[in-house]
Structures are given as C-alpha cells and as structure tokens.
Amino acid sequence: VVTVIDTSGGVVMLSLDGGCVGCSSTPMTAMQIYYSLKKLDPVEDVVFVNGELPEYMRTFIDQKMADEAENSDDEPKGEII
C-alpha cells in the first residue's frame, strides 16, 4: 500500500504500508518509486516518511539521473511510455 501524505511545493511525501512493512524488498520498491517520480518536472523531491529509501540509494539515483540528463540527446531510447 502506497499512501500519499502530501504533494505541496513539489515535494511528494509517501508512506509504504501493508505488505511493505518489514519486507526486504521495500528499499528497492522505494527506489523505483523515487526514480519514476523524480522524472516528473513538477516533482522536486520524494520523501518516504517511514525512511524506506536509504540515503546511498537516493544518492545513486540522483547521480544516475544527472548522468542521463548530461548524456541526453533527446532521441527515443526504446522505452515504453
């Protein structure tokens, strides 16, 4: 269960509940959510109130997105959108 707590100011605050609580895959789920939401222009930050996204994962994704933006040639990459 993903609960959206707030979306003001471009900051999306989420809580992963239900089966995510205590699941060893929760950080990976949070990482995918963070990555997907950060691609949206209005989203400045994604905060998990339960702390499901470790800082090293956040740093890794932010660097990956910066690298992607730097190397972008605006050509389709074969992704399904």
N, C-alpha and C. Protein backbone atom coordinates (compact mmCIF):
# COMPACT_ATOMS: atom_id res chain seq x y z
N VAL A 1 0.85 -1.16 0.00
CA VAL A 1 0.00 0.00 0.00
C VAL A 1 0.90 1.24 0.00
N VAL A 2 0.69 2.11 -0.97
CA VAL A 2 1.41 3.38 -1.02
C VAL A 2 0.43 4.47 -0.64
N THR A 3 0.74 5.18 0.42
CA THR A 3 -0.12 6.26 0.89
C THR A 3 0.55 7.59 0.57
N VAL A 4 -0.15 8.43 -0.19
CA VAL A 4 0.34 9.77 -0.49
C VAL A 4 -0.11 10.67 0.66
N ILE A 5 0.85 11.24 1.35
CA ILE A 5 0.56 12.06 2.52
C ILE A 5 0.43 13.53 2.14
N ASP A 6 1.31 13.99 1.25
CA ASP A 6 1.29 15.40 0.86
C ASP A 6 2.01 15.55 -0.47
N THR A 7 1.64 16.57 -1.24
CA THR A 7 2.29 16.85 -2.52
C THR A 7 2.59 18.34 -2.69
N SER A 8 2.55 19.09 -1.63
CA SER A 8 2.71 20.54 -1.77
C SER A 8 4.16 20.93 -2.04
N GLY A 9 4.32 22.01 -2.79
CA GLY A 9 5.63 22.56 -3.05
C GLY A 9 6.55 21.69 -3.88
N GLY A 10 5.97 20.76 -4.62
CA GLY A 10 6.80 19.88 -5.44
C GLY A 10 7.43 18.73 -4.67
N VAL A 11 7.11 18.61 -3.39
CA VAL A 11 7.64 17.53 -2.56
C VAL A 11 6.53 16.51 -2.33
N VAL A 12 6.77 15.30 -2.78
CA VAL A 12 5.81 14.21 -2.62
C VAL A 12 6.19 13.43 -1.37
N MET A 13 5.29 13.39 -0.41
CA MET A 13 5.53 12.64 0.82
C MET A 13 4.70 11.36 0.76
N LEU A 14 5.39 10.23 0.90
CA LEU A 14 4.75 8.92 0.79
C LEU A 14 5.05 8.06 2.00
N SER A 15 4.19 7.09 2.20
CA SER A 15 4.41 6.05 3.20
C SER A 15 4.12 4.71 2.54
N LEU A 16 5.03 3.77 2.68
CA LEU A 16 4.79 2.42 2.19
C LEU A 16 4.30 1.59 3.37
N ASP A 17 3.09 1.08 3.24
CA ASP A 17 2.45 0.36 4.33
C ASP A 17 2.04 -1.03 3.87
N GLY A 18 1.23 -1.70 4.65
CA GLY A 18 0.74 -3.02 4.30
C GLY A 18 1.86 -4.03 4.23
N GLY A 19 1.91 -4.79 3.13
CA GLY A 19 2.91 -5.83 2.96
C GLY A 19 4.33 -5.31 2.88
N CYS A 20 4.49 -4.01 2.61
CA CYS A 20 5.83 -3.42 2.52
C CYS A 20 6.51 -3.34 3.89
N VAL A 21 5.72 -3.28 4.93
CA VAL A 21 6.28 -3.17 6.28
C VAL A 21 7.06 -4.45 6.60
N GLY A 22 8.35 -4.28 6.78
CA GLY A 22 9.20 -5.41 7.14
C GLY A 22 9.69 -6.24 5.96
N CYS A 23 9.27 -5.93 4.76
CA CYS A 23 9.69 -6.70 3.59
C CYS A 23 11.11 -6.30 3.20
N SER A 24 11.93 -7.27 2.86
CA SER A 24 13.32 -6.98 2.50
C SER A 24 13.43 -6.27 1.15
N SER A 25 12.39 -6.31 0.34
CA SER A 25 12.42 -5.65 -0.97
C SER A 25 11.90 -4.21 -0.93
N THR A 26 11.46 -3.75 0.21
CA THR A 26 10.89 -2.41 0.32
C THR A 26 11.85 -1.31 -0.15
N PRO A 27 13.14 -1.36 0.20
CA PRO A 27 14.03 -0.31 -0.32
C PRO A 27 14.10 -0.28 -1.85
N MET A 28 14.04 -1.43 -2.49
CA MET A 28 14.05 -1.47 -3.95
C MET A 28 12.76 -0.90 -4.52
N THR A 29 11.64 -1.20 -3.88
CA THR A 29 10.36 -0.63 -4.29
C THR A 29 10.40 0.89 -4.16
N ALA A 30 10.91 1.37 -3.03
CA ALA A 30 11.03 2.80 -2.80
C ALA A 30 11.95 3.43 -3.83
N MET A 31 13.02 2.74 -4.20
CA MET A 31 13.96 3.27 -5.19
C MET A 31 13.28 3.44 -6.54
N GLN A 32 12.47 2.48 -6.95
CA GLN A 32 11.75 2.58 -8.23
C GLN A 32 10.72 3.71 -8.20
N ILE A 33 10.02 3.85 -7.09
CA ILE A 33 9.04 4.92 -6.95
C ILE A 33 9.76 6.27 -7.01
N TYR A 34 10.84 6.41 -6.26
CA TYR A 34 11.61 7.65 -6.23
C TYR A 34 12.09 8.01 -7.64
N TYR A 35 12.69 7.06 -8.33
CA TYR A 35 13.22 7.29 -9.68
C TYR A 35 12.11 7.71 -10.64
N SER A 36 10.98 7.02 -10.60
CA SER A 36 9.88 7.34 -11.51
C SER A 36 9.29 8.72 -11.23
N LEU A 37 9.09 9.05 -9.96
CA LEU A 37 8.51 10.34 -9.63
C LEU A 37 9.46 11.50 -9.90
N LYS A 38 10.76 11.30 -9.67
CA LYS A 38 11.73 12.36 -9.89
C LYS A 38 11.85 12.73 -11.37
N LYS A 39 11.40 11.87 -12.26
CA LYS A 39 11.42 12.16 -13.69
C LYS A 39 10.34 13.18 -14.07
N LEU A 40 9.36 13.38 -13.21
CA LEU A 40 8.28 14.31 -13.49
C LEU A 40 8.74 15.73 -13.16
N ASP A 41 8.57 16.65 -14.08
CA ASP A 41 9.05 18.02 -13.91
C ASP A 41 8.58 18.71 -12.62
N PRO A 42 7.30 18.58 -12.25
CA PRO A 42 6.86 19.30 -11.05
C PRO A 42 7.40 18.73 -9.74
N VAL A 43 7.99 17.55 -9.77
CA VAL A 43 8.45 16.90 -8.54
C VAL A 43 9.88 17.34 -8.22
N GLU A 44 10.02 18.02 -7.08
CA GLU A 44 11.34 18.47 -6.62
C GLU A 44 12.01 17.40 -5.76
N ASP A 45 11.22 16.71 -4.94
CA ASP A 45 11.78 15.70 -4.05
C ASP A 45 10.69 14.69 -3.69
N VAL A 46 11.14 13.51 -3.30
CA VAL A 46 10.24 12.45 -2.85
C VAL A 46 10.72 12.03 -1.47
N VAL A 47 9.84 12.13 -0.49
CA VAL A 47 10.19 11.82 0.89
C VAL A 47 9.36 10.64 1.36
N PHE A 48 10.02 9.63 1.85
CA PHE A 48 9.34 8.48 2.44
C PHE A 48 9.35 8.67 3.95
N VAL A 49 8.19 8.87 4.51
CA VAL A 49 8.11 9.20 5.93
C VAL A 49 8.54 8.04 6.83
N ASN A 50 8.52 6.84 6.30
CA ASN A 50 8.95 5.68 7.08
C ASN A 50 10.44 5.38 6.88
N GLY A 51 11.12 6.20 6.08
CA GLY A 51 12.56 6.01 5.87
C GLY A 51 12.90 4.81 4.99
N GLU A 52 12.02 4.46 4.05
CA GLU A 52 12.22 3.26 3.24
C GLU A 52 13.32 3.38 2.20
N LEU A 53 13.79 4.59 1.92
CA LEU A 53 14.83 4.76 0.90
C LEU A 53 16.13 5.20 1.57
N PRO A 54 17.08 4.27 1.67
CA PRO A 54 18.37 4.63 2.29
C PRO A 54 19.07 5.73 1.50
N GLU A 55 19.83 6.54 2.19
CA GLU A 55 20.50 7.69 1.58
C GLU A 55 21.41 7.29 0.42
N TYR A 56 22.10 6.14 0.54
CA TYR A 56 23.00 5.73 -0.54
C TYR A 56 22.22 5.43 -1.83
N MET A 57 20.98 4.93 -1.70
CA MET A 57 20.16 4.67 -2.88
C MET A 57 19.71 5.99 -3.50
N ARG A 58 19.33 6.94 -2.67
CA ARG A 58 18.92 8.27 -3.15
C ARG A 58 20.08 8.92 -3.90
N THR A 59 21.27 8.86 -3.34
CA THR A 59 22.46 9.43 -3.98
C THR A 59 22.75 8.75 -5.30
N PHE A 60 22.63 7.43 -5.34
CA PHE A 60 22.87 6.67 -6.56
C PHE A 60 21.90 7.10 -7.67
N ILE A 61 20.62 7.20 -7.33
CA ILE A 61 19.61 7.58 -8.33
C ILE A 61 19.82 9.01 -8.80
N ASP A 62 20.09 9.93 -7.88
CA ASP A 62 20.31 11.31 -8.26
C ASP A 62 21.49 11.43 -9.22
N GLN A 63 22.56 10.68 -8.97
CA GLN A 63 23.73 10.71 -9.85
C GLN A 63 23.38 10.10 -11.21
N LYS A 64 22.63 9.00 -11.20
CA LYS A 64 22.21 8.36 -12.45
C LYS A 64 21.38 9.32 -13.28
N MET A 65 20.46 10.03 -12.65
CA MET A 65 19.61 10.97 -13.38
C MET A 65 20.42 12.15 -13.91
N ALA A 66 21.41 12.61 -13.14
CA ALA A 66 22.27 13.69 -13.61
C ALA A 66 23.07 13.23 -14.82
N ASP A 67 23.59 12.00 -14.77
CA ASP A 67 24.34 11.45 -15.90
C ASP A 67 23.45 11.30 -17.13
N GLU A 68 22.22 10.84 -16.92
CA GLU A 68 21.28 10.69 -18.03
C GLU A 68 20.97 12.05 -18.67
N ALA A 69 20.78 13.06 -17.85
CA ALA A 69 20.47 14.40 -18.36
C ALA A 69 21.65 14.96 -19.15
N GLU A 70 22.86 14.70 -18.66
CA GLU A 70 24.07 15.19 -19.32
C GLU A 70 24.28 14.52 -20.67
N ASN A 71 23.96 13.23 -20.75
CA ASN A 71 24.19 12.47 -21.97
C ASN A 71 22.98 12.38 -22.87
N SER A 72 21.93 13.10 -22.53
CA SER A 72 20.69 13.03 -23.29
C SER A 72 20.84 13.72 -24.63
N ASP A 73 20.38 13.03 -25.67
CA ASP A 73 20.35 13.65 -26.99
C ASP A 73 18.91 13.78 -27.47
N ASP A 74 17.98 13.60 -26.54
CA ASP A 74 16.55 13.72 -26.79
C ASP A 74 16.02 12.78 -27.86
N GLU A 75 16.74 11.72 -28.16
CA GLU A 75 16.25 10.70 -29.07
C GLU A 75 15.59 9.60 -28.26
N PRO A 76 14.55 8.98 -28.80
CA PRO A 76 13.90 7.89 -28.07
C PRO A 76 14.89 6.76 -27.76
N LYS A 77 14.79 6.22 -26.56
CA LYS A 77 15.68 5.16 -26.13
C LYS A 77 15.02 3.78 -26.19
N GLY A 78 13.85 3.72 -26.81
CA GLY A 78 13.15 2.44 -26.89
C GLY A 78 12.30 2.15 -25.67
N GLU A 79 12.10 3.15 -24.81
CA GLU A 79 11.29 2.94 -23.64
C GLU A 79 9.80 3.01 -24.01
N ILE A 80 9.01 2.24 -23.32
CA ILE A 80 7.55 2.32 -23.48
C ILE A 80 7.07 3.39 -22.53
N ILE A 81 6.40 4.38 -23.07
CA ILE A 81 5.92 5.49 -22.23
C ILE A 81 4.42 5.50 -22.23
